[in-house]
Amino acid sequence: MGIKDLTKLIKENAPEAIKLVSKKSFKGKVIAIDSSVLIYQFLAQVRIGGQTLQNENGEDTSHIQGLLNRATNLIIMGIKPIFVFDGKPPEFKYGTLEKRTAAKEKAKEKLEEAKEKMEEDDTEETRAEVDKFAKQTIKMTGKHISDCKTLLRLMGIPVIDAPCEAEATCAELVKKGIAYAVGSEDMDTLTFGSGILLRKFTMPESYKEPVMEINLSIVLSKFDLDQDQFIDLCILMGCDYCPNITGVGPKTAFKLIKKHHCLENILEEIDRKKYHVPEILDEKLEEIRELFVSPNVIDTKNIDTKFRPIDKEGLIEFLCIVNNFKHERVMKIIEKLNISKKVNTNQSSITSFFKKIVKD
């Protein structure tokens, strides 16, 4: 997902662009969050005995549990998250999606083999193998997505449906000044033009991992590239819309773009006996590039990013009645959220307590 080895390339050639910071440093800031990866994580990680959490109807609730905890922690920290959900993927991405589907089918086969093995020899090792392949077969459904949107709206947190790629719309929110940064693990967020990318932003607090803040303008300055050249570099390295040129790794890609300045020149000059160039790169380069230059994003003039009060009764019904969460625990979460929202809403800078003096 994203741009292959881009983080490594930035660390080697523009280390000043990366800062490791505490999540608490983003207090008061609006962060646009790419939601899809998060839901997958919750379905994979929030489990008991290798199985997802479920309500009395046998419906998954791991994603609800995980998102409730993560969103609550962000609100308590005074951070203002906006959750953005994927729309229809671009045509060029279907090849990537087909590969992921094939990988899931292969994992299903491996899972059945691992289960048979565990029946014969139930050990910690065989159980771990079953759990590993079970996670690889997870599929996010429309119900999972709908549940997450319902939960967030009841919590008073803005939800945005992107027309296409969520990370592209997240980047647009940053470019338009609506959000400070994008919280995502996908490096193509930078390719879409987000000024600030936050990796590991949505990791559990128990991991005690700092947030990796990547500044795009510093990357471009240290790389000595403009945004168009950076996009060409990312395509050359391999993205979701096009495989990389066989034999061209990140260092070679960087050297090529520095020498030839654009992909057209590289495709014209590259030794095709030594390097295999994917057909799609020759045939559809301009269309692939355009997906990054002018992506299909939401019109920010017509979106609602207002943070609202918690719908207490709605949240209790959704969590406790529909999904069998413990009432006592839900009430404690609601109390924490109400206190945090009140404190963070009422906080002001010290200058707000003084009238501005206008000198003649």
Protein backbone atom coordinates (compact mmCIF):
# COMPACT_ATOMS: atom_id res chain seq x y z
CA MET A 1 0.00 0.00 0.00
CA GLY A 2 1.30 3.46 -0.78
CA ILE A 3 4.74 4.09 -2.27
CA LYS A 4 7.26 1.29 -1.94
CA ASP A 5 10.32 2.18 0.22
CA LEU A 6 9.56 5.92 0.24
CA THR A 7 10.06 6.20 4.00
CA LYS A 8 13.50 4.60 3.66
CA LEU A 9 14.43 7.00 0.85
CA ILE A 10 13.39 10.02 2.93
CA LYS A 11 15.37 8.79 5.93
CA GLU A 12 18.47 8.47 3.74
CA ASN A 13 18.17 11.68 1.72
CA ALA A 14 16.01 14.05 3.78
CA PRO A 15 16.24 12.99 7.44
CA GLU A 16 15.44 16.56 8.52
CA ALA A 17 11.93 16.05 7.13
CA ILE A 18 11.11 13.49 9.81
CA LYS A 19 10.39 14.31 13.46
CA LEU A 20 9.47 11.84 16.18
CA VAL A 21 6.97 13.59 18.43
CA SER A 22 4.48 12.81 21.17
CA LYS A 23 0.86 12.46 20.12
CA LYS A 24 0.01 14.94 22.87
CA SER A 25 1.79 17.68 20.88
CA PHE A 26 -1.18 17.73 18.48
CA LYS A 27 -3.60 18.93 21.15
CA GLY A 28 -6.07 21.41 19.69
CA LYS A 29 -5.23 20.44 16.10
CA VAL A 30 -7.60 18.94 13.53
CA ILE A 31 -6.23 15.71 12.06
CA ALA A 32 -7.75 14.02 9.00
CA ILE A 33 -7.61 10.24 9.49
CA ASP A 34 -7.59 7.66 6.70
CA SER A 35 -10.09 5.24 8.24
CA SER A 36 -9.93 2.06 6.14
CA VAL A 37 -6.61 0.73 7.44
CA LEU A 38 -7.79 1.37 10.99
CA ILE A 39 -10.87 -0.82 10.58
CA TYR A 40 -8.75 -3.67 9.21
CA GLN A 41 -6.42 -3.30 12.19
CA PHE A 42 -9.25 -3.50 14.69
CA LEU A 43 -10.77 -6.57 13.04
CA ALA A 44 -7.34 -8.23 13.09
CA GLN A 45 -6.14 -7.18 16.54
CA VAL A 46 -9.21 -6.86 18.78
CA ARG A 47 -9.82 -10.58 19.31
CA ILE A 48 -10.34 -13.19 22.01
CA GLY A 49 -9.01 -16.68 21.44
CA GLY A 50 -8.25 -15.88 17.83
CA GLN A 51 -11.85 -14.80 17.12
CA THR A 52 -13.31 -11.35 16.54
CA LEU A 53 -15.58 -9.94 19.25
CA GLN A 54 -19.26 -10.43 18.42
CA ASN A 55 -22.66 -9.37 19.68
CA GLU A 56 -25.54 -11.75 20.50
CA ASN A 57 -26.50 -11.93 16.81
CA GLY A 58 -23.04 -13.18 15.84
CA GLU A 59 -22.08 -9.87 14.20
CA ASP A 60 -18.53 -8.53 14.50
CA THR A 61 -17.96 -5.81 17.09
CA SER A 62 -14.14 -5.74 17.15
CA HIS A 63 -14.11 -2.73 14.83
CA ILE A 64 -16.58 -0.89 17.08
CA GLN A 65 -14.59 -1.70 20.22
CA GLY A 66 -11.30 -0.62 18.63
CA LEU A 67 -12.63 2.61 17.14
CA LEU A 68 -14.46 3.55 20.34
CA ASN A 69 -11.24 3.26 22.33
CA ARG A 70 -9.05 5.01 19.77
CA ALA A 71 -11.43 7.91 19.12
CA THR A 72 -12.05 8.37 22.85
CA ASN A 73 -8.31 8.59 23.54
CA LEU A 74 -7.88 11.25 20.84
CA ILE A 75 -10.73 13.35 22.24
CA ILE A 76 -9.34 13.05 25.78
CA MET A 77 -5.99 14.34 24.47
CA GLY A 78 -7.76 17.39 23.03
CA ILE A 79 -7.13 16.28 19.44
CA LYS A 80 -9.91 16.88 16.88
CA PRO A 81 -10.11 13.93 14.47
CA ILE A 82 -11.99 13.92 11.18
CA PHE A 83 -12.47 10.39 9.86
CA VAL A 84 -12.42 9.99 6.08
CA PHE A 85 -13.72 6.85 4.34
CA ASP A 86 -12.84 5.48 0.89
CA GLY A 87 -15.16 5.84 -2.07
CA LYS A 88 -14.91 4.00 -5.39
CA PRO A 89 -11.29 3.15 -6.25
CA PRO A 90 -9.75 4.37 -9.52
CA GLU A 91 -9.85 1.96 -12.44
CA PHE A 92 -6.08 1.50 -12.32
CA LYS A 93 -6.24 0.27 -8.75
CA TYR A 94 -8.30 -2.79 -9.60
CA GLY A 95 -5.15 -4.73 -10.48
CA THR A 96 -3.86 -4.10 -6.96
CA LEU A 97 -7.21 -5.06 -5.44
CA GLU A 98 -7.32 -8.27 -7.47
CA LYS A 99 -3.88 -9.22 -6.16
CA ARG A 100 -5.07 -8.60 -2.59
CA THR A 101 -8.16 -10.75 -3.21
CA ALA A 102 -5.97 -13.54 -4.61
CA ALA A 103 -3.71 -13.28 -1.56
CA LYS A 104 -6.77 -13.64 0.71
CA GLU A 105 -7.88 -16.75 -1.17
CA LYS A 106 -4.41 -18.23 -0.76
CA ALA A 107 -4.51 -17.37 2.96
CA LYS A 108 -7.87 -19.20 3.26
CA GLU A 109 -6.24 -22.34 1.90
CA LYS A 110 -3.35 -21.98 4.32
CA LEU A 111 -5.82 -21.37 7.16
CA GLU A 112 -7.64 -24.66 6.50
CA GLU A 113 -4.33 -26.50 6.39
CA ALA A 114 -3.26 -24.87 9.66
CA LYS A 115 -6.57 -25.81 11.32
CA GLU A 116 -6.15 -29.45 10.29
CA LYS A 117 -2.62 -29.38 11.64
CA MET A 118 -3.82 -27.89 14.93
CA GLU A 119 -6.44 -30.65 15.32
CA GLU A 120 -3.64 -33.20 15.20
CA ASP A 121 -1.18 -31.20 17.29
CA ASP A 122 -2.76 -28.42 19.40
CA THR A 123 0.28 -26.41 20.47
CA GLU A 124 1.05 -22.73 20.93
CA GLU A 125 2.91 -22.81 17.61
CA THR A 126 0.00 -24.28 15.61
CA ARG A 127 -2.50 -21.89 17.27
CA ALA A 128 -0.26 -18.95 16.30
CA GLU A 129 -0.20 -20.21 12.72
CA VAL A 130 -3.99 -20.43 12.61
CA ASP A 131 -4.28 -16.91 14.04
CA LYS A 132 -1.79 -15.56 11.48
CA PHE A 133 -3.71 -16.90 8.48
CA ALA A 134 -7.08 -15.97 10.03
CA LYS A 135 -5.97 -12.33 10.14
CA GLN A 136 -4.88 -12.49 6.49
CA THR A 137 -8.37 -13.60 5.42
CA ILE A 138 -10.17 -10.68 7.06
CA LYS A 139 -12.47 -8.78 4.74
CA MET A 140 -13.91 -5.39 5.59
CA THR A 141 -17.63 -5.26 4.73
CA GLY A 142 -20.12 -2.49 4.18
CA LYS A 143 -21.62 -3.34 7.58
CA HIS A 144 -18.27 -2.74 9.29
CA ILE A 145 -17.95 0.65 7.61
CA SER A 146 -21.55 1.60 8.39
CA ASP A 147 -21.08 0.67 12.06
CA CYS A 148 -17.99 2.86 12.34
CA LYS A 149 -19.69 5.85 10.75
CA THR A 150 -22.68 5.46 13.07
CA LEU A 151 -20.43 5.29 16.12
CA LEU A 152 -18.41 8.38 15.15
CA ARG A 153 -21.48 10.48 14.39
CA LEU A 154 -23.05 9.54 17.74
CA MET A 155 -19.77 10.63 19.39
CA GLY A 156 -20.07 14.01 17.63
CA ILE A 157 -17.02 13.39 15.43
CA PRO A 158 -17.10 14.50 11.76
CA VAL A 159 -17.28 11.79 9.10
CA ILE A 160 -16.44 12.39 5.44
CA ASP A 161 -17.21 10.06 2.54
CA ALA A 162 -14.49 10.52 -0.06
CA PRO A 163 -15.61 10.16 -3.69
CA CYS A 164 -12.49 8.09 -4.37
CA GLU A 165 -9.28 7.49 -2.36
CA ALA A 166 -9.59 8.54 1.31
CA GLU A 167 -5.94 9.64 1.54
CA ALA A 168 -6.43 11.99 -1.44
CA THR A 169 -9.38 13.70 0.26
CA CYS A 170 -7.41 13.78 3.54
CA ALA A 171 -4.59 15.57 1.69
CA GLU A 172 -7.12 18.01 0.23
CA LEU A 173 -8.34 18.89 3.75
CA VAL A 174 -4.76 19.77 4.68
CA LYS A 175 -4.16 21.78 1.49
CA LYS A 176 -7.34 23.77 2.13
CA GLY A 177 -6.33 24.48 5.75
CA ILE A 178 -9.21 22.49 7.26
CA ALA A 179 -6.85 19.98 8.88
CA TYR A 180 -3.30 20.34 10.17
CA ALA A 181 -2.13 16.92 9.00
CA VAL A 182 -3.17 13.51 7.74
CA GLY A 183 -3.00 10.48 10.03
CA SER A 184 -2.24 7.51 7.77
CA GLU A 185 0.27 4.74 7.15
CA ASP A 186 0.06 5.23 3.38
CA MET A 187 3.01 7.21 2.06
CA ASP A 188 1.11 8.19 -1.09
CA THR A 189 -0.59 10.78 1.13
CA LEU A 190 2.53 12.86 0.42
CA THR A 191 2.23 12.11 -3.30
CA PHE A 192 -1.30 13.54 -3.15
CA GLY A 193 0.22 16.72 -1.71
CA SER A 194 -0.47 16.65 2.04
CA GLY A 195 1.96 19.08 3.67
CA ILE A 196 2.20 16.98 6.83
CA LEU A 197 1.83 13.21 7.18
CA LEU A 198 1.58 11.53 10.59
CA ARG A 199 2.54 7.87 10.67
CA LYS A 200 1.86 5.72 13.75
CA PHE A 201 -0.64 8.38 14.79
CA THR A 202 -3.43 5.89 15.39
CA MET A 203 -1.35 3.25 17.16
CA PRO A 204 -2.57 2.17 20.63
CA GLU A 205 -1.21 4.21 23.52
CA SER A 206 0.06 1.00 25.12
CA TYR A 207 2.68 0.71 22.35
CA LYS A 208 4.28 3.94 23.59
CA GLU A 209 5.48 4.66 20.04
CA PRO A 210 6.17 8.28 19.04
CA VAL A 211 4.37 9.73 16.04
CA MET A 212 6.47 10.07 12.88
CA GLU A 213 5.75 13.53 11.47
CA ILE A 214 6.89 13.92 7.86
CA ASN A 215 7.06 17.39 6.31
CA LEU A 216 6.56 17.38 2.54
CA SER A 217 8.12 20.80 1.87
CA ILE A 218 11.34 19.72 3.58
CA VAL A 219 11.33 16.47 1.60
CA LEU A 220 11.04 18.40 -1.68
CA SER A 221 13.73 20.87 -0.63
CA LYS A 222 16.23 18.19 0.39
CA PHE A 223 15.43 16.03 -2.63
CA ASP A 224 15.75 19.16 -4.81
CA LEU A 225 12.56 18.21 -6.66
CA ASP A 226 9.29 20.00 -7.31
CA GLN A 227 5.96 18.27 -6.59
CA ASP A 228 5.53 17.08 -10.19
CA GLN A 229 8.98 15.46 -10.15
CA PHE A 230 8.23 13.95 -6.76
CA ILE A 231 5.05 12.40 -8.19
CA ASP A 232 7.06 10.91 -11.05
CA LEU A 233 9.56 9.53 -8.54
CA CYS A 234 6.76 7.87 -6.56
CA ILE A 235 5.26 6.31 -9.70
CA LEU A 236 8.72 5.07 -10.68
CA MET A 237 9.20 3.48 -7.25
CA GLY A 238 5.89 1.59 -7.55
CA CYS A 239 2.43 2.67 -6.43
CA ASP A 240 -1.09 1.21 -6.18
CA TYR A 241 -1.82 2.20 -9.78
CA CYS A 242 1.30 0.85 -11.43
CA PRO A 243 4.06 -1.67 -10.60
CA ASN A 244 7.63 -0.44 -10.53
CA ILE A 245 10.12 -1.07 -13.32
CA THR A 246 11.69 -4.45 -12.59
CA GLY A 247 15.23 -3.95 -11.33
CA VAL A 248 14.75 -0.32 -10.39
CA GLY A 249 14.89 0.10 -6.61
CA PRO A 250 14.46 3.33 -4.64
CA LYS A 251 18.09 4.46 -4.98
CA THR A 252 18.13 3.87 -8.74
CA ALA A 253 14.74 5.58 -9.12
CA PHE A 254 16.05 8.62 -7.25
CA LYS A 255 19.17 8.79 -9.44
CA LEU A 256 17.10 8.47 -12.61
CA ILE A 257 14.65 11.24 -11.72
CA LYS A 258 17.53 13.53 -10.69
CA LYS A 259 19.28 12.90 -14.00
CA HIS A 260 16.33 12.87 -16.42
CA HIS A 261 13.84 15.10 -14.45
CA CYS A 262 10.66 13.34 -15.63
CA LEU A 263 9.32 9.89 -16.43
CA GLU A 264 8.98 10.53 -20.17
CA ASN A 265 12.73 11.10 -20.43
CA ILE A 266 13.45 8.04 -18.27
CA LEU A 267 11.23 5.78 -20.40
CA GLU A 268 12.94 7.06 -23.52
CA GLU A 269 16.48 6.57 -22.21
CA ILE A 270 16.22 3.46 -20.01
CA ASP A 271 17.91 0.22 -21.13
CA ARG A 272 14.90 -1.99 -21.79
CA LYS A 273 17.07 -5.08 -22.17
CA LYS A 274 18.26 -4.60 -18.59
CA TYR A 275 15.02 -3.27 -17.07
CA HIS A 276 11.49 -4.53 -17.69
CA VAL A 277 9.05 -1.62 -18.10
CA PRO A 278 5.38 -2.46 -17.37
CA GLU A 279 3.15 -1.89 -20.39
CA ILE A 280 0.76 0.28 -18.41
CA LEU A 281 3.57 2.75 -17.74
CA ASP A 282 4.15 3.21 -21.46
CA GLU A 283 0.48 3.30 -22.36
CA LYS A 284 -1.17 5.14 -19.45
CA LEU A 285 1.55 7.29 -17.85
CA GLU A 286 -0.32 10.58 -18.16
CA GLU A 287 -3.52 9.10 -16.74
CA ILE A 288 -1.67 7.55 -13.79
CA ARG A 289 0.12 10.81 -13.12
CA GLU A 290 -3.17 12.71 -13.27
CA LEU A 291 -4.56 10.54 -10.43
CA PHE A 292 -1.98 12.20 -8.16
CA VAL A 293 -1.93 15.68 -9.74
CA SER A 294 -5.73 16.13 -9.89
CA PRO A 295 -7.31 13.35 -7.83
CA ASN A 296 -11.06 12.96 -7.42
CA VAL A 297 -11.59 14.59 -4.02
CA ILE A 298 -14.52 16.02 -2.11
CA ASP A 299 -15.50 19.66 -2.61
CA THR A 300 -14.40 21.18 0.68
CA LYS A 301 -16.85 24.06 0.26
CA ASN A 302 -19.78 21.69 0.80
CA ILE A 303 -18.65 19.53 3.71
CA ASP A 304 -19.61 19.57 7.36
CA THR A 305 -16.58 19.32 9.65
CA LYS A 306 -18.29 20.63 12.76
CA PHE A 307 -17.66 18.78 16.03
CA ARG A 308 -20.94 18.20 17.84
CA PRO A 309 -22.11 17.21 21.34
CA ILE A 310 -22.38 13.50 22.10
CA ASP A 311 -25.72 11.84 21.41
CA LYS A 312 -25.85 10.10 24.78
CA GLU A 313 -29.09 8.16 24.27
CA GLY A 314 -28.16 7.16 20.74
CA LEU A 315 -24.72 5.98 21.84
CA ILE A 316 -26.18 3.89 24.67
CA GLU A 317 -28.70 2.29 22.32
CA PHE A 318 -26.09 1.53 19.63
CA LEU A 319 -23.44 0.19 21.99
CA CYS A 320 -25.45 -1.43 24.78
CA ILE A 321 -28.71 -2.55 23.19
CA VAL A 322 -27.63 -3.29 19.60
CA ASN A 323 -24.08 -4.50 20.25
CA ASN A 324 -24.23 -5.75 23.86
CA PHE A 325 -21.54 -3.51 25.35
CA LYS A 326 -21.63 -3.24 29.15
CA HIS A 327 -23.76 -0.29 30.22
CA GLU A 328 -21.46 0.71 33.09
CA ARG A 329 -18.41 0.88 30.84
CA VAL A 330 -20.25 2.89 28.18
CA MET A 331 -21.44 5.40 30.79
CA LYS A 332 -17.85 5.88 31.99
CA ILE A 333 -16.71 6.55 28.43
CA ILE A 334 -19.53 9.05 27.88
CA GLU A 335 -18.59 10.84 31.10
CA LYS A 336 -14.93 11.05 30.03
CA LEU A 337 -15.89 12.35 26.59
CA ASN A 338 -18.23 15.01 27.99
CA ILE A 339 -15.61 16.24 30.45
CA SER A 340 -12.87 16.28 27.80
CA LYS A 341 -15.02 18.07 25.21
CA LYS A 342 -16.06 20.69 27.76
CA VAL A 343 -12.49 21.30 28.95
CA ASN A 344 -11.01 21.45 25.46
CA THR A 345 -13.81 23.67 24.14
CA ASN A 346 -13.46 26.13 27.00
CA GLN A 347 -9.67 26.34 26.89
CA SER A 348 -8.41 29.62 25.50
CA SER A 349 -5.06 31.28 25.13
CA ILE A 350 -4.13 33.74 27.86
CA THR A 351 -4.40 36.66 25.42
CA SER A 352 -8.15 36.05 25.08
CA PHE A 353 -8.65 37.31 28.63
CA PHE A 354 -7.36 40.78 27.77
CA LYS A 355 -8.82 43.41 25.54
CA LYS A 356 -6.66 44.49 22.63
CA ILE A 357 -5.33 48.00 23.16
CA VAL A 358 -5.33 50.09 20.01
CA LYS A 359 -2.72 52.83 20.05
CA ASP A 360 -3.46 56.18 18.41
